[in-house]
Amino acid sequence: MNVVTIIKTFGQLKQSWFETWCVSVKEQTIRREELVIRRLGEIIGDDYLLTKITPMLMKKCLSEYMTKYDASQSTMLHIKSTCNKIFNHGVLFNIIDYSPMTVVKIDVPFHKKREAKRRRDAKFLEIEELHAFFDALSRRRNPNYYDLAIVLLFSGLRIGEAAFTENDFNPETGVLTIDKALQYNNLRVKDFHFGETKTINSEREVALPKVACEAILRTIDRVKEFDRYMLEHPNPHFTHSESIFRTEYGSPITSHSFREVLKRVEDDLIANCETLYGFKWTKHVTPHSFRHMHISYLQSKEMSIKISDIMSRVGHANYETTMVYTHKLKQSEGNTVQALNNFVENNAFHFLALQKWSCKYSQKIYSLIEESYKLGKLELSLDEFKHYLGISSSYQPRHISGNIIPKIQKDMLKHYPNFQCQSIRGTNQEVVGYRLTWN
């Protein structure tokens, strides 16, 4: 049956394009587009004759879409692109003579353009903000998020690509192979699996600077220790994963779990940034921010990496996509790596190995011991101990002894085999302080 004689309405053309297009994209992309074309069908009318669709009608429908769904500038650009594809499909198969979208332009209100710029700028961190961000992130309990952020910033990976395994990284060459991406949207943790990368161009090899290599190696050491712990202490909440960047329970870190940590870091910085670093925190970091910053930094005048090399590095198929990220050539991938190494050195970044603590107070005790290591011991009054660790003055010594000291003891013994934390008692056997010894 001749397709030209059957397709007469917008709904029929839309469905014909959708069925053709679906075979070339991933399931997640299909689900997103289903919502778009359903909404378009409601606004334009699936039974609307193609012969009656004019550029003026399409402009009116796009304006209605923007008003009805309060769509952002980027969303409207996506909607217009979808409409272009649908009508171009019709032209290609001689269903219609021309696309009514050819001359249509979207008139985005100024306030939406300003809001889009504000959101885009909020994702980009200047150098002083980057220092403050990593300092705050280093205080989170799971150091895997800290090292993941380093790798994302200096590799330009998408968050799904960052679920790579130990076998994907060559420590001898510092090259990371990206040939898969974690599939986790709308799935239970046990159903997470590796699938294809976002596009064909996404399959690539990425040479990493020293700080990213060190972050990966640190994380590999931690997950090996965690795997041993899982074997020795089975727990139904633990999950085994081949990915090296994992949550505290062993599942791969996803965009959702990373966003939760980033939100807590943002709250911390909003409350404390001006006091600690001298400026107010106004930024909103997302998992994709690191990719945005990676591309922007590479295009800065200090680095001057070719746009074609950046496209290859981050897996973009076209120039326009890469240029969207910029806030400018490659003789080799090594040129990029050297530029990133220089970036770290010139901006005085010091990404140190973080310890993983079972207790939030252990880091402070560890720092205290390092500062006084040669002394071999320290004595703190009860008030000094509480104040230094940030424990409420009303918290009773018996609760400190039962809930806090055992965890501190466990953490410190990993670094100081002779560590002891003993109560100092007064004349009535009440706790008046604590004695720390480590030699």
Protein backbone atom coordinates (compact mmCIF):
# COMPACT_ATOMS: atom_id res chain seq x y z
CA MET A 1 0.00 0.00 0.00
CA ASN A 2 1.34 3.44 -0.95
CA VAL A 3 2.39 5.43 2.11
CA VAL A 4 1.64 8.72 0.30
CA THR A 5 -2.07 7.94 -0.06
CA ILE A 6 -2.47 6.88 3.58
CA ILE A 7 -0.79 9.68 5.52
CA LYS A 8 -3.06 12.69 5.44
CA THR A 9 -3.15 13.95 9.02
CA PHE A 10 -0.58 15.28 11.45
CA GLY A 11 -1.13 12.31 13.74
CA GLN A 12 -0.39 9.85 10.94
CA LEU A 13 2.75 11.71 9.86
CA LYS A 14 3.90 12.00 13.46
CA GLN A 15 3.49 8.25 14.01
CA SER A 16 5.24 7.39 10.73
CA TRP A 17 8.25 9.51 11.68
CA PHE A 18 8.30 8.16 15.23
CA GLU A 19 8.38 4.52 14.10
CA THR A 20 11.23 5.26 11.69
CA TRP A 21 13.19 7.32 14.20
CA CYS A 22 12.85 4.88 17.14
CA VAL A 23 15.17 2.28 15.66
CA SER A 24 18.14 4.66 15.82
CA VAL A 25 17.94 5.91 19.41
CA LYS A 26 18.01 4.57 22.97
CA GLU A 27 14.97 3.63 25.06
CA GLN A 28 15.42 6.57 27.41
CA THR A 29 15.36 9.01 24.47
CA ILE A 30 12.25 7.33 23.09
CA ARG A 31 10.37 7.72 26.38
CA ARG A 32 11.22 11.42 26.53
CA GLU A 33 10.08 12.00 22.94
CA GLU A 34 6.80 10.15 23.46
CA LEU A 35 5.74 12.86 25.89
CA VAL A 36 6.70 15.59 23.42
CA ILE A 37 4.77 14.17 20.46
CA ARG A 38 1.73 13.41 22.62
CA ARG A 39 1.60 17.04 23.71
CA LEU A 40 2.11 18.23 20.14
CA GLY A 41 -0.77 16.02 19.03
CA GLU A 42 -3.02 17.58 21.66
CA ILE A 43 -2.14 21.14 20.67
CA ILE A 44 -2.03 20.79 16.88
CA GLY A 45 -4.65 18.04 16.70
CA ASP A 46 -3.75 14.55 15.52
CA ASP A 47 -6.64 14.65 13.02
CA TYR A 48 -5.56 17.98 11.53
CA LEU A 49 -5.08 17.67 7.76
CA LEU A 50 -1.51 18.19 6.57
CA THR A 51 -2.76 20.35 3.70
CA LYS A 52 -4.15 22.81 6.23
CA ILE A 53 -0.96 23.16 8.31
CA THR A 54 0.79 26.47 7.63
CA PRO A 55 3.87 28.18 9.08
CA MET A 56 1.59 30.62 10.92
CA LEU A 57 -0.34 27.72 12.48
CA MET A 58 2.87 26.04 13.65
CA LYS A 59 4.17 29.29 15.14
CA LYS A 60 0.89 29.69 17.01
CA CYS A 61 1.03 26.06 18.24
CA LEU A 62 4.60 26.44 19.50
CA SER A 63 3.64 29.61 21.37
CA GLU A 64 0.70 27.76 22.90
CA TYR A 65 3.01 24.89 23.93
CA MET A 66 5.40 27.34 25.62
CA THR A 67 2.55 29.02 27.51
CA LYS A 68 0.67 25.85 28.48
CA TYR A 69 3.71 23.98 29.83
CA ASP A 70 5.78 27.01 30.90
CA ALA A 71 8.56 25.56 28.75
CA SER A 72 12.10 26.90 29.00
CA GLN A 73 14.13 28.20 26.07
CA SER A 74 16.08 24.93 25.77
CA THR A 75 12.85 22.90 25.87
CA MET A 76 11.34 24.99 23.08
CA LEU A 77 14.44 24.52 20.95
CA HIS A 78 14.01 20.78 21.43
CA ILE A 79 10.28 20.96 20.53
CA LYS A 80 11.06 22.93 17.37
CA SER A 81 13.72 20.37 16.44
CA THR A 82 11.18 17.56 16.83
CA CYS A 83 8.69 19.40 14.61
CA ASN A 84 11.42 19.90 12.00
CA LYS A 85 12.14 16.16 11.99
CA ILE A 86 8.47 15.23 11.64
CA PHE A 87 7.80 17.51 8.69
CA ASN A 88 11.16 16.80 7.02
CA HIS A 89 10.17 13.13 7.17
CA GLY A 90 7.03 14.08 5.27
CA VAL A 91 9.02 15.95 2.61
CA LEU A 92 11.49 13.07 2.24
CA PHE A 93 8.72 10.56 1.50
CA ASN A 94 6.75 12.93 -0.75
CA ILE A 95 3.89 13.11 1.74
CA ILE A 96 4.02 16.92 1.73
CA ASP A 97 5.64 19.34 -0.69
CA TYR A 98 7.40 21.50 1.87
CA SER A 99 7.91 21.78 5.62
CA PRO A 100 5.82 24.47 7.31
CA MET A 101 8.63 24.73 9.89
CA THR A 102 11.12 26.15 7.37
CA VAL A 103 10.46 29.80 8.20
CA VAL A 104 9.20 29.39 11.77
CA LYS A 105 11.21 31.05 14.52
CA ILE A 106 10.53 30.79 18.23
CA ASP A 107 9.95 34.06 20.01
CA VAL A 108 11.18 33.31 23.52
CA PRO A 109 10.26 36.01 26.06
CA PHE A 110 13.17 37.97 27.47
CA HIS A 111 12.58 36.70 31.01
CA LYS A 112 12.89 33.09 29.81
CA LYS A 113 16.14 33.88 28.01
CA ARG A 114 17.46 35.56 31.13
CA GLU A 115 16.42 32.60 33.28
CA ALA A 116 18.11 30.17 30.86
CA LYS A 117 21.33 32.18 31.07
CA ARG A 118 21.10 32.32 34.86
CA ARG A 119 20.70 28.53 35.10
CA ARG A 120 23.55 27.98 32.66
CA ASP A 121 25.87 30.35 34.53
CA ALA A 122 24.96 28.75 37.87
CA LYS A 123 26.38 25.43 36.70
CA PHE A 124 29.79 26.90 35.93
CA LEU A 125 32.30 27.43 38.75
CA GLU A 126 35.07 29.98 38.72
CA ILE A 127 38.41 28.90 40.20
CA GLU A 128 37.76 30.22 43.72
CA GLU A 129 34.34 28.55 43.67
CA LEU A 130 35.87 25.29 42.50
CA HIS A 131 38.28 25.36 45.45
CA ALA A 132 35.44 25.96 47.90
CA PHE A 133 33.30 23.26 46.29
CA PHE A 134 35.94 20.54 46.51
CA ASP A 135 36.77 21.55 50.07
CA ALA A 136 33.11 21.14 51.05
CA LEU A 137 32.77 17.89 49.10
CA SER A 138 35.83 16.48 50.85
CA ARG A 139 33.90 16.66 54.12
CA ARG A 140 31.20 14.25 52.96
CA ARG A 141 31.32 10.78 54.45
CA ASN A 142 31.87 8.77 51.26
CA PRO A 143 35.12 9.84 49.51
CA ASN A 144 34.00 8.09 46.31
CA TYR A 145 31.92 11.16 45.45
CA TYR A 146 34.95 13.42 45.87
CA ASP A 147 37.09 11.31 43.55
CA LEU A 148 34.20 10.92 41.09
CA ALA A 149 33.90 14.71 40.86
CA ILE A 150 37.64 14.96 40.12
CA VAL A 151 37.37 12.37 37.33
CA LEU A 152 34.29 14.02 35.81
CA LEU A 153 35.90 17.46 35.87
CA PHE A 154 39.13 16.33 34.22
CA SER A 155 37.65 13.84 31.74
CA GLY A 156 34.38 15.39 30.58
CA LEU A 157 32.54 12.08 31.03
CA ARG A 158 28.77 11.84 31.26
CA ILE A 159 27.58 10.46 34.60
CA GLY A 160 26.43 7.20 32.98
CA GLU A 161 29.86 6.74 31.38
CA ALA A 162 31.51 7.24 34.78
CA ALA A 163 30.21 3.83 35.88
CA PHE A 164 33.24 2.29 34.18
CA THR A 165 35.03 -0.74 35.61
CA GLU A 166 38.62 -1.35 36.67
CA ASN A 167 39.28 -3.14 33.38
CA ASP A 168 38.36 0.00 31.44
CA PHE A 169 41.29 1.95 32.90
CA ASN A 170 44.91 1.38 31.91
CA PRO A 171 47.08 2.66 34.77
CA GLU A 172 50.24 2.32 32.66
CA THR A 173 49.06 4.74 29.98
CA GLY A 174 46.45 6.71 31.92
CA VAL A 175 43.90 5.99 29.19
CA LEU A 176 40.24 5.29 29.96
CA THR A 177 38.15 3.33 27.45
CA ILE A 178 34.52 4.39 27.15
CA ASP A 179 32.50 1.73 25.34
CA LYS A 180 29.37 1.42 27.50
CA ALA A 181 27.10 3.40 29.79
CA LEU A 182 25.14 2.44 32.88
CA GLN A 183 21.41 2.00 32.31
CA TYR A 184 19.52 2.87 35.48
CA ASN A 185 16.58 5.14 34.69
CA ASN A 186 13.33 3.75 36.12
CA LEU A 187 15.15 0.56 37.17
CA ARG A 188 15.65 -1.05 40.55
CA VAL A 189 19.26 -1.29 41.69
CA LYS A 190 19.37 -5.03 41.06
CA ASP A 191 18.31 -4.38 37.46
CA PHE A 192 21.04 -1.83 36.67
CA HIS A 193 23.04 -2.94 33.65
CA PHE A 194 25.50 -1.71 31.06
CA GLY A 195 24.18 -0.68 27.67
CA GLU A 196 25.38 1.20 24.64
CA THR A 197 26.81 4.70 24.87
CA LYS A 198 24.62 7.69 24.02
CA THR A 199 25.91 7.93 20.44
CA ILE A 200 28.43 6.19 18.21
CA ASN A 201 30.83 9.09 18.80
CA SER A 202 30.55 8.48 22.54
CA GLU A 203 32.70 5.35 22.19
CA ARG A 204 36.21 6.67 22.65
CA GLU A 205 39.47 6.56 24.55
CA VAL A 206 40.18 9.42 26.95
CA ALA A 207 43.70 10.22 28.15
CA LEU A 208 43.55 11.45 31.73
CA PRO A 209 45.72 13.94 33.63
CA LYS A 210 47.57 12.88 36.75
CA VAL A 211 44.93 13.98 39.28
CA ALA A 212 42.21 11.94 37.56
CA CYS A 213 44.43 8.85 37.36
CA GLU A 214 45.24 9.16 41.05
CA ALA A 215 41.54 9.53 41.91
CA ILE A 216 40.70 6.35 39.99
CA LEU A 217 43.50 4.34 41.62
CA ARG A 218 42.44 5.52 45.09
CA THR A 219 38.88 4.47 44.39
CA ILE A 220 39.94 1.07 43.09
CA ASP A 221 41.82 0.45 46.35
CA ARG A 222 38.75 1.44 48.37
CA VAL A 223 36.33 -0.78 46.46
CA LYS A 224 38.65 -3.76 46.81
CA GLU A 225 38.63 -3.17 50.55
CA PHE A 226 34.83 -2.86 50.44
CA ASP A 227 34.50 -6.11 48.47
CA ARG A 228 36.54 -7.90 51.12
CA TYR A 229 34.37 -6.38 53.82
CA MET A 230 31.21 -7.59 52.04
CA LEU A 231 32.54 -11.15 51.99
CA GLU A 232 33.45 -11.04 55.67
CA HIS A 233 30.27 -9.25 56.79
CA PRO A 234 27.36 -10.29 54.52
CA ASN A 235 24.46 -7.85 54.55
CA PRO A 236 21.26 -7.97 52.46
CA HIS A 237 21.58 -4.22 51.87
CA PHE A 238 24.96 -4.58 50.15
CA THR A 239 25.09 -4.72 46.36
CA HIS A 240 27.93 -6.06 44.24
CA SER A 241 28.89 -3.98 41.24
CA GLU A 242 31.70 -3.97 38.70
CA SER A 243 31.66 -0.17 38.63
CA ILE A 244 34.40 1.41 40.70
CA PHE A 245 32.43 4.50 41.77
CA ARG A 246 29.90 3.16 44.26
CA THR A 247 27.61 4.29 47.03
CA GLU A 248 28.23 3.21 50.61
CA TYR A 249 26.15 0.09 49.96
CA GLY A 250 28.00 -0.91 46.82
CA SER A 251 25.61 0.10 44.04
CA PRO A 252 26.92 2.25 41.17
CA ILE A 253 26.68 5.99 41.75
CA THR A 254 23.93 7.38 39.53
CA SER A 255 22.85 10.90 38.65
CA HIS A 256 20.19 10.66 41.37
CA SER A 257 22.52 9.58 44.18
CA PHE A 258 25.15 12.12 43.12
CA ARG A 259 22.56 14.92 43.04
CA GLU A 260 21.61 14.15 46.63
CA VAL A 261 25.23 14.61 47.74
CA LEU A 262 25.64 17.75 45.64
CA LYS A 263 22.49 19.20 47.24
CA ARG A 264 23.96 18.68 50.72
CA VAL A 265 27.22 20.30 49.61
CA GLU A 266 25.25 23.24 48.19
CA ASP A 267 23.33 23.66 51.46
CA ASP A 268 26.64 23.62 53.35
CA LEU A 269 28.14 26.27 51.08
CA ILE A 270 25.07 28.51 51.16
CA ALA A 271 25.26 28.49 54.95
CA ASN A 272 29.03 28.73 55.41
CA CYS A 273 30.76 29.90 52.22
CA GLU A 274 30.95 33.59 53.11
CA THR A 275 32.40 32.82 56.55
CA LEU A 276 34.90 30.22 55.35
CA TYR A 277 35.90 31.58 51.94
CA GLY A 278 34.84 35.22 51.86
CA PHE A 279 32.09 35.14 49.22
CA LYS A 280 28.43 34.14 48.98
CA TRP A 281 27.56 30.87 47.27
CA THR A 282 25.16 31.41 44.36
CA LYS A 283 25.88 28.38 42.20
CA HIS A 284 23.98 25.14 41.56
CA VAL A 285 26.23 22.22 40.65
CA THR A 286 24.70 19.18 38.93
CA PRO A 287 26.37 15.96 37.71
CA HIS A 288 26.45 17.48 34.21
CA SER A 289 28.18 20.65 35.46
CA PHE A 290 31.56 18.92 35.43
CA ARG A 291 31.24 18.10 31.72
CA HIS A 292 30.16 21.68 31.08
CA MET A 293 33.19 23.03 32.97
CA HIS A 294 35.60 20.56 31.36
CA ILE A 295 34.68 21.76 27.88
CA SER A 296 34.70 25.42 28.91
CA TYR A 297 38.11 25.19 30.57
CA LEU A 298 39.59 23.43 27.53
CA GLN A 299 38.35 26.26 25.32
CA SER A 300 39.76 28.99 27.54
CA LYS A 301 42.62 31.05 26.15
CA GLU A 302 44.99 29.52 28.71
CA MET A 303 44.54 26.06 27.18
CA SER A 304 43.64 26.76 23.53
CA ILE A 305 42.67 23.19 22.61
CA LYS A 306 41.21 22.67 19.13
CA ILE A 307 37.43 22.35 19.01
CA SER A 308 37.78 19.14 16.97
CA ASP A 309 39.93 17.61 19.70
CA ILE A 310 37.43 18.60 22.39
CA MET A 311 34.59 17.08 20.35
CA SER A 312 36.50 13.82 20.08
CA ARG A 313 37.41 13.82 23.76
CA VAL A 314 33.86 14.31 25.07
CA GLY A 315 32.10 12.26 22.40
CA HIS A 316 30.19 14.98 20.56
CA ALA A 317 29.09 14.36 17.00
CA ASN A 318 28.83 17.98 15.90
CA TYR A 319 30.42 21.37 16.44
CA GLU A 320 27.22 23.08 17.59
CA THR A 321 26.74 20.73 20.54
CA THR A 322 30.24 21.41 21.83
CA MET A 323 29.93 25.18 21.37
CA VAL A 324 26.78 25.23 23.53
CA TYR A 325 28.99 24.41 26.51
CA THR A 326 31.46 27.26 26.18
CA HIS A 327 31.08 30.06 28.90
CA LYS A 328 39.51 27.79 21.44
CA LEU A 329 44.31 23.60 18.38
CA LYS A 330 45.13 19.15 19.08
CA GLN A 331 48.39 17.95 17.89
CA SER A 332 47.74 14.94 20.06
CA GLU A 333 45.66 13.80 23.03
CA GLY A 334 48.79 14.37 25.06
CA ASN A 335 48.44 18.09 24.36
CA THR A 336 45.12 18.10 26.19
CA VAL A 337 46.47 16.08 29.11
CA GLN A 338 49.39 18.48 29.52
CA ALA A 339 47.02 21.45 29.43
CA LEU A 340 44.91 19.87 32.18
CA ASN A 341 47.99 19.09 34.28
CA ASN A 342 49.06 22.73 33.93
CA PHE A 343 45.55 23.85 34.89
CA VAL A 344 45.81 21.92 38.17
CA GLU A 345 49.26 23.31 38.94
CA ASN A 346 48.59 26.91 37.91
CA ASN A 347 45.43 27.10 40.02
CA ALA A 348 46.98 25.44 43.08
CA PHE A 349 44.62 22.48 43.29
CA HIS A 350 45.68 19.83 45.79
CA PHE A 351 43.43 16.79 45.52
CA LEU A 352 44.54 14.66 48.45
CA ALA A 353 43.52 11.11 49.23
CA LEU A 354 40.52 11.16 51.55
CA GLN A 355 39.98 8.71 54.36
CA LYS A 356 36.70 6.85 54.67
CA TRP A 357 35.36 7.16 58.20
CA SER A 358 32.62 5.23 59.96
CA CYS A 359 32.09 8.24 62.24
CA LYS A 360 31.86 11.91 61.28
CA TYR A 361 34.10 12.84 64.23
CA SER A 362 37.01 10.63 63.15
CA GLN A 363 38.37 13.14 60.62
CA LYS A 364 38.83 15.74 63.37
CA ILE A 365 40.59 13.27 65.66
CA TYR A 366 42.82 12.19 62.76
CA SER A 367 43.74 15.84 62.03
CA LEU A 368 44.43 16.46 65.71
CA ILE A 369 46.79 13.48 65.90
CA GLU A 370 48.61 14.51 62.71
CA GLU A 371 49.17 17.99 64.14
CA SER A 372 50.50 16.57 67.42
CA TYR A 373 51.98 13.31 66.16
CA LYS A 374 55.42 13.71 67.81
CA LEU A 375 53.84 14.16 71.24
CA GLY A 376 52.43 10.63 71.20
CA LYS A 377 49.49 11.58 73.39
CA LEU A 378 46.99 14.33 74.18
CA GLU A 379 44.61 15.05 77.01
CA LEU A 380 41.41 17.04 76.51
CA SER A 381 38.91 18.10 79.13
CA LEU A 382 35.33 17.00 78.57
CA ASP A 383 34.36 20.49 77.42
CA GLU A 384 37.39 20.74 75.12
CA PHE A 385 36.61 17.33 73.63
CA LYS A 386 32.98 18.26 72.94
CA HIS A 387 33.87 21.67 71.55
CA TYR A 388 36.61 20.36 69.26
CA LEU A 389 34.39 17.64 67.80
CA GLY A 390 31.31 19.84 67.62
CA ILE A 391 29.32 17.70 70.06
CA SER A 392 26.43 19.33 71.91
CA SER A 393 27.33 20.44 75.43
CA SER A 394 24.30 18.54 76.73
CA TYR A 395 25.46 15.23 75.25
CA GLN A 396 26.21 12.88 78.14
CA PRO A 397 29.63 11.17 78.59
CA ARG A 398 27.95 7.76 78.73
CA HIS A 399 26.55 8.35 75.24
CA ILE A 400 29.95 9.52 74.01
CA SER A 401 31.51 6.34 75.41
CA GLY A 402 28.82 4.12 73.92
CA ASN A 403 28.13 5.74 70.55
CA ILE A 404 31.18 7.76 69.50
CA ILE A 405 34.38 6.44 71.09
CA PRO A 406 34.08 2.86 69.66
CA LYS A 407 33.73 4.23 66.11
CA ILE A 408 36.65 6.62 66.55
CA GLN A 409 38.69 3.75 67.98
CA LYS A 410 37.88 1.54 64.99
CA ASP A 411 38.81 4.24 62.46
CA MET A 412 42.03 5.32 64.17
CA LEU A 413 43.35 1.76 64.53
CA LYS A 414 43.58 1.58 60.73
CA HIS A 415 46.21 4.33 60.84
CA TYR A 416 47.66 4.07 64.34
CA PRO A 417 47.83 0.43 65.55
CA ASN A 418 48.47 1.53 69.15
CA PHE A 419 45.68 4.10 69.31
CA GLN A 420 43.67 4.32 72.52
CA CYS A 421 40.99 6.74 73.67
CA GLN A 422 40.54 6.47 77.42
CA SER A 423 38.26 8.32 79.80
CA ILE A 424 39.83 10.53 82.46
CA ARG A 425 37.80 10.33 85.66
CA GLY A 426 37.46 12.73 88.57
CA THR A 427 37.34 12.04 92.31
CA ASN A 428 33.76 10.80 92.08
CA GLN A 429 34.51 8.62 89.05
CA GLU A 430 32.72 11.04 86.73
CA VAL A 431 34.23 11.52 83.24
CA VAL A 432 36.13 14.82 83.17
CA GLY A 433 38.08 14.34 79.92
CA TYR A 434 39.71 11.98 77.45
CA ARG A 435 43.27 10.82 76.91
CA LEU A 436 44.37 10.02 73.35
CA THR A 437 47.52 7.92 72.84
CA TRP A 438 48.93 6.57 69.59
CA ASN A 439 52.59 5.61 70.11
